[in-house]
Amino acid sequence: MLRDFSAQSLFMGALIAFVGFASSFAVVLHGLTGVGASEAQAASGLMALSISMGLCAIVISAVTRLPVSIAWSTPGAALLASSGSVEGGFNAAVGAFLVCGVLIIVAGLWKPLGRTVSSIPPALANAMLAGVLLSLCFAPVKAIAFNPLFGLPIVLAWAVIGSINRLYAVPAALLTFGLVIALGVEMPEGALAGLSAALVPRIEFVPPVFDAAAMVSIALPLFIVTMASQNIPGIAVLKVNDYHPDPGPLFATTGLFSMLSAPFGGHAVNLAAITAAMCAGSDSHPDRTRRYWSAINAGIAYIILGLLAGVVTTFVSLAPPVLIQAVAGLALIGAFSSSAMAAFAEAETREAAAITFLVTASGVSFAGVSGAFWGLVAGGLMLGLARVAKRKA
């Protein structure tokens, strides 16, 4: 293995970790606090996720010798942000995270469940995701309305840098966010001492509570979103680059590491899609048999970034929440546009997708169950009725 190591893979691994962490950690923090996590629990969850996905990437890539990039479930974090607190608080959410990890393992090892998830109409899965992301994508506009001097520079940095290189758009917005906090937000007394104290990693154990409403509101939609929006596309990216692993063991391994991170506040880790293309592409290394080192190096970098999660969370807490929500919203605009386009592409499923999208985006809960689940149910019923009517005709 050491003979396959290269400086190119080291640089690419560091870049992958920076892009993966910087572009979506705001979404993760917003999602965890959205389901009731305290600042310390959100920092612990961010740390647990980053370390888990780093270790997962190292283990999978070292064993398979394939460039398998791992990420946290960004769509899943967006789902949490829109779900809101459930009965039982964050402890119930952690119980749902554990069940989601079990479902991912079962989907990897038991093919009927994997086939069932794959059989969910893509239009409905994408419509549910688009509905989940919609409210978060409003945040940049809300940030400008809140304070143009704070919100506008963040949005402009994202737009200008994104027009040059889309990969660096969100990191540019994040850097501008940091400058806005440092230069424009009055630091409370003791802020520097708090940042110094946060340099010491602190993990928070959250005893899980298994609540039926949380299972339906969080565990099931989180499982579907993670599989449909991350794991399955992650396999597709590898196949496009002429790597053909058995998907089952990869899914099961990500489910195992999801379970390991859950008691400390992490929601889910999974196969990456965007950074997977960076890992598996020729920029990682001209020799395709040596590209797996990029994923290993990214894993090491993720672990290092995870140990700094306390500092990141403490710094972010110094700013008005709407500003970090704006960065999260900007990070999700691409995912929203892609999922919305895929949801409404086919005329046959367009009406059912619209129902799924509208029910999910409404954010309304019924019987303590979030709109994401009911959106999928409503869209599925609409699609079923349409197909029955078509057969009778």
Protein backbone atom coordinates (compact mmCIF):
# COMPACT_ATOMS: atom_id res chain seq x y z
CA MET A 1 0.00 0.00 0.00
CA LEU A 2 2.76 2.47 0.87
CA ARG A 3 4.17 2.14 -2.65
CA ASP A 4 0.85 3.41 -4.00
CA PHE A 5 0.98 6.59 -1.89
CA SER A 6 1.63 9.83 -3.78
CA ALA A 7 1.80 13.56 -3.12
CA GLN A 8 -1.03 14.04 -5.63
CA SER A 9 -3.33 11.78 -3.64
CA LEU A 10 -2.33 13.59 -0.43
CA PHE A 11 -3.30 16.97 -1.90
CA MET A 12 -6.54 15.61 -3.37
CA GLY A 13 -7.46 13.95 -0.08
CA ALA A 14 -6.94 17.20 1.84
CA LEU A 15 -8.99 19.10 -0.76
CA ILE A 16 -11.82 16.54 -0.61
CA ALA A 17 -12.00 16.77 3.19
CA PHE A 18 -11.96 20.58 3.15
CA VAL A 19 -14.67 20.81 0.51
CA GLY A 20 -16.79 18.10 2.14
CA PHE A 21 -16.53 19.60 5.63
CA ALA A 22 -16.68 23.31 4.79
CA SER A 23 -19.50 23.04 2.28
CA SER A 24 -22.02 21.37 4.56
CA PHE A 25 -21.08 21.42 8.25
CA ALA A 26 -23.48 24.35 8.65
CA VAL A 27 -26.30 22.12 7.41
CA VAL A 28 -25.35 19.45 9.95
CA LEU A 29 -25.28 21.90 12.87
CA HIS A 30 -28.60 23.42 11.79
CA GLY A 31 -30.17 19.96 11.44
CA LEU A 32 -29.00 18.68 14.82
CA THR A 33 -30.13 21.79 16.68
CA GLY A 34 -33.40 21.58 14.74
CA VAL A 35 -34.24 18.28 16.46
CA GLY A 36 -33.34 19.56 19.91
CA ALA A 37 -29.56 19.24 20.28
CA SER A 38 -27.82 21.71 22.57
CA GLU A 39 -24.71 23.53 21.33
CA ALA A 40 -22.48 20.97 23.08
CA GLN A 41 -24.47 18.04 21.66
CA ALA A 42 -24.38 19.52 18.14
CA ALA A 43 -20.59 19.94 18.41
CA SER A 44 -20.31 16.36 19.64
CA GLY A 45 -22.48 15.13 16.76
CA LEU A 46 -20.38 17.02 14.22
CA MET A 47 -17.22 15.53 15.74
CA ALA A 48 -18.64 12.01 15.83
CA LEU A 49 -19.79 12.20 12.21
CA SER A 50 -16.48 13.57 10.93
CA ILE A 51 -14.42 10.96 12.79
CA SER A 52 -16.79 8.13 11.82
CA MET A 53 -16.78 8.98 8.13
CA GLY A 54 -13.00 9.40 8.24
CA LEU A 55 -12.51 5.96 9.79
CA CYS A 56 -15.10 4.45 7.43
CA ALA A 57 -13.30 5.86 4.37
CA ILE A 58 -9.96 4.54 5.61
CA VAL A 59 -11.29 1.05 6.36
CA ILE A 60 -13.30 0.60 3.15
CA SER A 61 -10.65 2.04 0.82
CA ALA A 62 -7.79 0.12 2.46
CA VAL A 63 -9.68 -3.19 2.31
CA THR A 64 -11.14 -2.85 -1.20
CA ARG A 65 -8.30 -0.76 -2.73
CA LEU A 66 -11.03 1.35 -4.32
CA PRO A 67 -11.44 5.16 -4.05
CA VAL A 68 -14.59 5.05 -1.91
CA SER A 69 -15.34 8.52 -0.57
CA ILE A 70 -17.52 8.78 2.55
CA ALA A 71 -19.62 11.75 3.69
CA TRP A 72 -22.25 12.60 6.26
CA SER A 73 -25.82 12.68 5.03
CA THR A 74 -26.30 16.32 4.03
CA PRO A 75 -29.86 15.73 2.74
CA GLY A 76 -30.52 13.88 5.99
CA ALA A 77 -29.34 16.89 8.01
CA ALA A 78 -31.63 19.11 5.94
CA LEU A 79 -34.46 16.72 6.72
CA LEU A 80 -33.75 17.08 10.44
CA ALA A 81 -33.84 20.86 10.16
CA SER A 82 -37.32 20.72 8.64
CA SER A 83 -38.63 17.98 10.97
CA GLY A 84 -38.40 19.94 14.20
CA SER A 85 -38.24 18.54 17.73
CA VAL A 86 -40.08 15.32 18.46
CA GLU A 87 -41.53 14.05 21.74
CA GLY A 88 -38.59 12.86 23.81
CA GLY A 89 -36.30 15.60 22.49
CA PHE A 90 -32.82 14.95 21.14
CA ASN A 91 -32.64 11.61 22.97
CA ALA A 92 -35.54 10.35 20.83
CA ALA A 93 -33.80 11.70 17.72
CA VAL A 94 -30.66 9.75 18.66
CA GLY A 95 -32.78 6.61 19.01
CA ALA A 96 -34.04 7.26 15.49
CA PHE A 97 -30.44 7.71 14.26
CA LEU A 98 -29.57 4.27 15.64
CA VAL A 99 -32.58 2.66 13.93
CA CYS A 100 -31.64 4.38 10.66
CA GLY A 101 -28.16 2.84 10.92
CA VAL A 102 -29.71 -0.60 11.47
CA LEU A 103 -31.96 -0.14 8.43
CA ILE A 104 -28.95 0.79 6.27
CA ILE A 105 -27.10 -2.34 7.45
CA VAL A 106 -30.14 -4.50 6.71
CA ALA A 107 -30.54 -2.89 3.27
CA GLY A 108 -26.94 -3.79 2.52
CA LEU A 109 -27.09 -7.37 3.78
CA TRP A 110 -30.70 -8.30 2.98
CA LYS A 111 -31.35 -7.78 -0.70
CA PRO A 112 -35.19 -7.60 -0.56
CA LEU A 113 -35.03 -4.42 1.54
CA GLY A 114 -32.37 -2.96 -0.72
CA ARG A 115 -34.57 -3.69 -3.74
CA THR A 116 -37.58 -2.13 -1.99
CA VAL A 117 -35.69 1.12 -1.41
CA SER A 118 -34.46 1.09 -5.00
CA SER A 119 -38.04 0.58 -6.20
CA ILE A 120 -39.30 3.84 -4.64
CA PRO A 121 -40.12 5.99 -7.68
CA PRO A 122 -37.21 8.41 -8.17
CA ALA A 123 -39.68 11.22 -8.87
CA LEU A 124 -41.21 10.86 -5.41
CA ALA A 125 -37.87 10.51 -3.62
CA ASN A 126 -36.58 13.62 -5.37
CA ALA A 127 -39.81 15.52 -4.71
CA MET A 128 -39.56 14.70 -0.99
CA LEU A 129 -35.95 15.91 -0.95
CA ALA A 130 -36.84 19.10 -2.82
CA GLY A 131 -39.65 19.77 -0.33
CA VAL A 132 -37.27 19.26 2.59
CA LEU A 133 -34.68 21.62 1.09
CA LEU A 134 -37.06 24.41 0.06
CA SER A 135 -37.35 26.18 3.41
CA LEU A 136 -33.59 26.06 3.97
CA CYS A 137 -32.95 27.61 0.55
CA PHE A 138 -34.97 30.66 1.66
CA ALA A 139 -32.38 31.41 4.36
CA PRO A 140 -29.98 33.50 2.19
CA VAL A 141 -32.83 35.86 1.29
CA LYS A 142 -33.89 36.05 4.95
CA ALA A 143 -30.29 36.84 5.95
CA ILE A 144 -30.17 39.81 3.55
CA ALA A 145 -33.51 41.04 4.90
CA PHE A 146 -32.22 40.61 8.47
CA ASN A 147 -29.09 42.69 7.83
CA PRO A 148 -27.90 43.51 4.30
CA LEU A 149 -24.41 44.39 5.57
CA PHE A 150 -24.06 40.86 6.95
CA GLY A 151 -26.10 38.75 4.52
CA LEU A 152 -25.27 40.38 1.19
CA PRO A 153 -21.45 39.82 1.29
CA ILE A 154 -22.00 36.11 1.98
CA VAL A 155 -24.37 35.71 -0.97
CA LEU A 156 -22.17 37.80 -3.30
CA ALA A 157 -19.07 35.76 -2.44
CA TRP A 158 -20.97 32.56 -3.22
CA ALA A 159 -22.28 33.95 -6.52
CA VAL A 160 -19.01 35.50 -7.77
CA ILE A 161 -16.70 32.60 -6.85
CA GLY A 162 -19.31 30.09 -7.99
CA SER A 163 -19.40 31.67 -11.43
CA ILE A 164 -15.65 30.98 -11.68
CA ASN A 165 -15.49 27.57 -10.00
CA ARG A 166 -18.62 25.98 -8.49
CA LEU A 167 -16.50 23.76 -6.23
CA TYR A 168 -15.25 26.73 -4.20
CA ALA A 169 -18.53 28.67 -4.01
CA VAL A 170 -19.62 27.46 -0.57
CA PRO A 171 -16.11 27.61 0.98
CA ALA A 172 -15.95 31.23 -0.26
CA ALA A 173 -19.31 31.96 1.38
CA LEU A 174 -18.06 30.30 4.56
CA LEU A 175 -14.87 32.37 4.56
CA THR A 176 -16.94 35.54 4.09
CA PHE A 177 -19.18 34.42 6.95
CA GLY A 178 -16.09 34.16 9.16
CA LEU A 179 -14.94 37.65 8.15
CA VAL A 180 -18.42 39.07 8.82
CA ILE A 181 -18.38 37.58 12.32
CA ALA A 182 -14.82 38.71 13.04
CA LEU A 183 -15.28 42.27 11.73
CA GLY A 184 -18.96 43.02 12.13
CA VAL A 185 -20.27 41.13 15.15
CA GLU A 186 -19.46 42.45 18.61
CA MET A 187 -17.75 39.68 20.54
CA PRO A 188 -19.20 39.01 24.01
CA GLU A 189 -16.88 39.06 26.99
CA GLY A 190 -15.00 35.80 27.30
CA ALA A 191 -15.48 34.79 23.66
CA LEU A 192 -11.75 34.23 23.04
CA ALA A 193 -11.48 32.18 26.23
CA GLY A 194 -14.43 30.08 25.02
CA LEU A 195 -12.71 29.44 21.68
CA SER A 196 -9.50 28.43 23.46
CA ALA A 197 -11.40 26.03 25.72
CA ALA A 198 -13.13 24.52 22.68
CA LEU A 199 -9.75 23.40 21.32
CA VAL A 200 -10.01 20.44 23.68
CA PRO A 201 -12.30 17.87 22.00
CA ARG A 202 -15.36 17.02 24.09
CA ILE A 203 -17.67 14.16 23.26
CA GLU A 204 -21.23 14.08 24.63
CA PHE A 205 -22.96 10.74 25.17
CA VAL A 206 -26.70 11.01 24.49
CA PRO A 207 -28.75 8.09 25.89
CA PRO A 208 -31.11 7.00 23.10
CA VAL A 209 -34.86 6.93 23.59
CA PHE A 210 -36.91 4.81 21.19
CA ASP A 211 -40.16 6.61 20.42
CA ALA A 212 -42.62 5.43 17.77
CA ALA A 213 -43.30 8.93 16.43
CA ALA A 214 -39.56 9.61 16.09
CA MET A 215 -39.13 6.35 14.18
CA VAL A 216 -41.70 7.42 11.60
CA SER A 217 -40.78 11.13 11.56
CA ILE A 218 -37.00 10.77 11.55
CA ALA A 219 -35.66 7.22 11.17
CA LEU A 220 -37.65 6.16 8.11
CA PRO A 221 -37.36 9.41 6.07
CA LEU A 222 -33.68 9.71 7.05
CA PHE A 223 -33.07 6.14 5.83
CA ILE A 224 -34.88 6.76 2.53
CA VAL A 225 -33.17 10.10 1.87
CA THR A 226 -29.73 8.72 2.74
CA MET A 227 -30.13 5.66 0.52
CA ALA A 228 -31.82 7.40 -2.42
CA SER A 229 -29.81 10.65 -2.40
CA GLN A 230 -26.39 9.46 -1.25
CA ASN A 231 -25.67 5.73 -1.20
CA ILE A 232 -27.20 4.77 -4.54
CA PRO A 233 -25.75 7.81 -6.43
CA GLY A 234 -22.40 7.08 -4.75
CA ILE A 235 -22.33 3.62 -6.34
CA ALA A 236 -23.33 5.16 -9.68
CA VAL A 237 -20.36 7.57 -9.56
CA LEU A 238 -17.97 4.71 -8.91
CA LYS A 239 -19.41 2.75 -11.85
CA VAL A 240 -19.08 5.76 -14.16
CA ASN A 241 -15.37 5.76 -13.31
CA ASP A 242 -15.14 2.02 -14.07
CA TYR A 243 -15.10 0.76 -10.47
CA HIS A 244 -17.59 -2.02 -9.79
CA PRO A 245 -17.80 -2.92 -6.09
CA ASP A 246 -20.51 -5.05 -4.52
CA PRO A 247 -22.85 -2.35 -3.12
CA GLY A 248 -24.23 -4.43 -0.23
CA PRO A 249 -21.10 -4.59 1.97
CA LEU A 250 -20.40 -0.89 1.36
CA PHE A 251 -23.93 0.08 2.47
CA ALA A 252 -23.69 -2.19 5.52
CA THR A 253 -20.34 -0.69 6.55
CA THR A 254 -21.68 2.86 6.36
CA GLY A 255 -24.67 1.73 8.44
CA LEU A 256 -22.32 0.31 11.07
CA PHE A 257 -20.36 3.56 11.33
CA SER A 258 -23.65 5.47 11.44
CA MET A 259 -24.60 3.42 14.50
CA LEU A 260 -21.22 4.10 16.11
CA SER A 261 -21.66 7.86 15.74
CA ALA A 262 -25.35 7.97 16.76
CA PRO A 263 -24.95 7.76 20.59
CA PHE A 264 -22.72 10.84 20.38
CA GLY A 265 -25.18 12.88 18.29
CA GLY A 266 -24.31 11.89 14.69
CA HIS A 267 -27.24 11.23 12.38
CA ALA A 268 -25.81 9.19 9.44
CA VAL A 269 -22.75 8.60 7.29
CA ASN A 270 -22.94 7.26 3.75
CA LEU A 271 -21.22 6.96 0.40
CA ALA A 272 -20.37 10.36 -1.04
CA ALA A 273 -21.45 11.48 -4.50
CA ILE A 274 -19.71 14.80 -5.30
CA THR A 275 -16.44 14.05 -3.52
CA ALA A 276 -16.64 10.51 -4.89
CA ALA A 277 -16.11 11.98 -8.36
CA MET A 278 -13.04 13.84 -7.07
CA CYS A 279 -11.65 10.63 -5.53
CA ALA A 280 -12.32 8.37 -8.49
CA GLY A 281 -11.35 10.81 -11.26
CA SER A 282 -8.02 11.25 -13.04
CA ASP A 283 -7.15 14.33 -10.96
CA SER A 284 -6.76 11.98 -8.01
CA HIS A 285 -3.96 10.07 -9.79
CA PRO A 286 -3.22 9.06 -13.42
CA ASP A 287 -3.01 5.42 -12.31
CA ARG A 288 -6.54 4.36 -11.40
CA THR A 289 -5.24 1.52 -9.18
CA ARG A 290 -3.58 4.07 -6.87
CA ARG A 291 -6.50 6.48 -6.44
CA TYR A 292 -7.76 4.79 -3.29
CA TRP A 293 -5.10 6.71 -1.37
CA SER A 294 -7.06 9.92 -1.99
CA ALA A 295 -9.98 8.47 -0.03
CA ILE A 296 -7.66 7.29 2.75
CA ASN A 297 -6.00 10.72 3.00
CA ALA A 298 -9.42 12.38 3.00
CA GLY A 299 -10.41 10.10 5.87
CA ILE A 300 -7.38 11.15 7.90
CA ALA A 301 -8.16 14.83 7.22
CA TYR A 302 -11.80 14.32 8.26
CA ILE A 303 -10.66 12.93 11.61
CA ILE A 304 -8.44 15.99 12.18
CA LEU A 305 -11.29 18.35 11.25
CA GLY A 306 -13.63 16.42 13.53
CA LEU A 307 -11.35 17.02 16.52
CA LEU A 308 -11.74 20.77 15.83
CA ALA A 309 -15.55 20.60 15.75
CA GLY A 310 -15.83 22.29 19.14
CA VAL A 311 -13.97 25.36 17.89
CA VAL A 312 -16.09 25.51 14.75
CA THR A 313 -19.35 25.28 16.71
CA THR A 314 -18.27 27.85 19.31
CA PHE A 315 -17.25 30.32 16.60
CA VAL A 316 -20.49 29.84 14.70
CA SER A 317 -22.52 30.43 17.88
CA LEU A 318 -21.15 33.99 18.07
CA ALA A 319 -23.16 35.01 15.00
CA PRO A 320 -26.92 35.49 14.51
CA PRO A 321 -28.36 32.05 13.59
CA VAL A 322 -29.78 33.33 10.30
CA LEU A 323 -26.25 33.87 8.94
CA ILE A 324 -25.13 30.26 9.34
CA GLN A 325 -28.52 29.20 8.02
CA ALA A 326 -27.76 31.33 4.95
CA VAL A 327 -24.50 29.45 4.36
CA ALA A 328 -26.40 26.18 4.77
CA GLY A 329 -29.05 27.35 2.30
CA LEU A 330 -26.45 28.32 -0.28
CA ALA A 331 -24.82 24.90 0.10
CA LEU A 332 -28.16 23.23 -0.70
CA ILE A 333 -29.28 25.29 -3.72
CA GLY A 334 -27.58 22.90 -6.15
CA ALA A 335 -29.15 19.87 -4.48
CA PHE A 336 -32.56 21.56 -4.51
CA SER A 337 -32.41 22.44 -8.21
CA SER A 338 -31.23 18.93 -9.16
CA SER A 339 -33.88 17.17 -7.09
CA ALA A 340 -36.67 19.50 -8.29
CA MET A 341 -35.69 18.97 -11.93
CA ALA A 342 -35.58 15.19 -11.47
CA ALA A 343 -38.90 15.21 -9.60
CA PHE A 344 -40.85 16.98 -12.36
CA ALA A 345 -39.02 15.64 -15.42
CA GLU A 346 -41.56 12.93 -16.31
CA ALA A 347 -45.12 13.95 -17.19
CA GLU A 348 -46.53 10.62 -15.98
CA THR A 349 -45.36 11.14 -12.37
CA ARG A 350 -45.44 14.94 -12.28
CA GLU A 351 -48.72 15.31 -10.39
CA ALA A 352 -47.78 12.74 -7.74
CA ALA A 353 -44.39 14.42 -7.37
CA ALA A 354 -46.11 17.78 -6.93
CA ILE A 355 -48.28 16.35 -4.13
CA THR A 356 -45.20 14.88 -2.42
CA PHE A 357 -43.32 18.16 -2.78
CA LEU A 358 -46.17 20.35 -1.45
CA VAL A 359 -47.02 18.17 1.55
CA THR A 360 -43.36 17.89 2.49
CA ALA A 361 -42.62 21.59 1.97
CA SER A 362 -45.63 22.58 4.08
CA GLY A 363 -43.76 21.41 7.15
CA VAL A 364 -47.05 20.33 8.71
CA SER A 365 -46.98 17.34 11.06
CA PHE A 366 -49.86 14.94 11.59
CA ALA A 367 -50.10 12.64 14.62
CA GLY A 368 -46.62 13.77 15.63
CA VAL A 369 -45.15 12.57 12.30
CA SER A 370 -43.27 15.01 10.07
CA GLY A 371 -44.42 16.18 6.65
CA ALA A 372 -41.61 14.33 4.84
CA PHE A 373 -43.18 10.96 5.62
CA TRP A 374 -46.72 12.09 4.79
CA GLY A 375 -45.50 13.68 1.56
CA LEU A 376 -44.10 10.36 0.42
CA VAL A 377 -47.31 8.57 1.44
CA ALA A 378 -49.55 11.13 -0.30
CA GLY A 379 -47.49 11.05 -3.47
CA GLY A 380 -47.42 7.26 -3.46
CA LEU A 381 -51.21 7.08 -3.11
CA MET A 382 -51.65 9.60 -5.93
CA LEU A 383 -49.31 7.64 -8.17
CA GLY A 384 -51.11 4.40 -7.34
CA LEU A 385 -54.53 5.89 -8.14
CA ALA A 386 -53.24 7.26 -11.43
CA ARG A 387 -51.88 3.84 -12.45
CA VAL A 388 -55.13 2.06 -11.49
CA ALA A 389 -57.16 4.58 -13.52
CA LYS A 390 -54.83 4.12 -16.48
CA ARG A 391 -55.25 0.32 -16.41
CA LYS A 392 -59.06 0.63 -16.30
CA ALA A 393 -59.03 3.05 -19.19
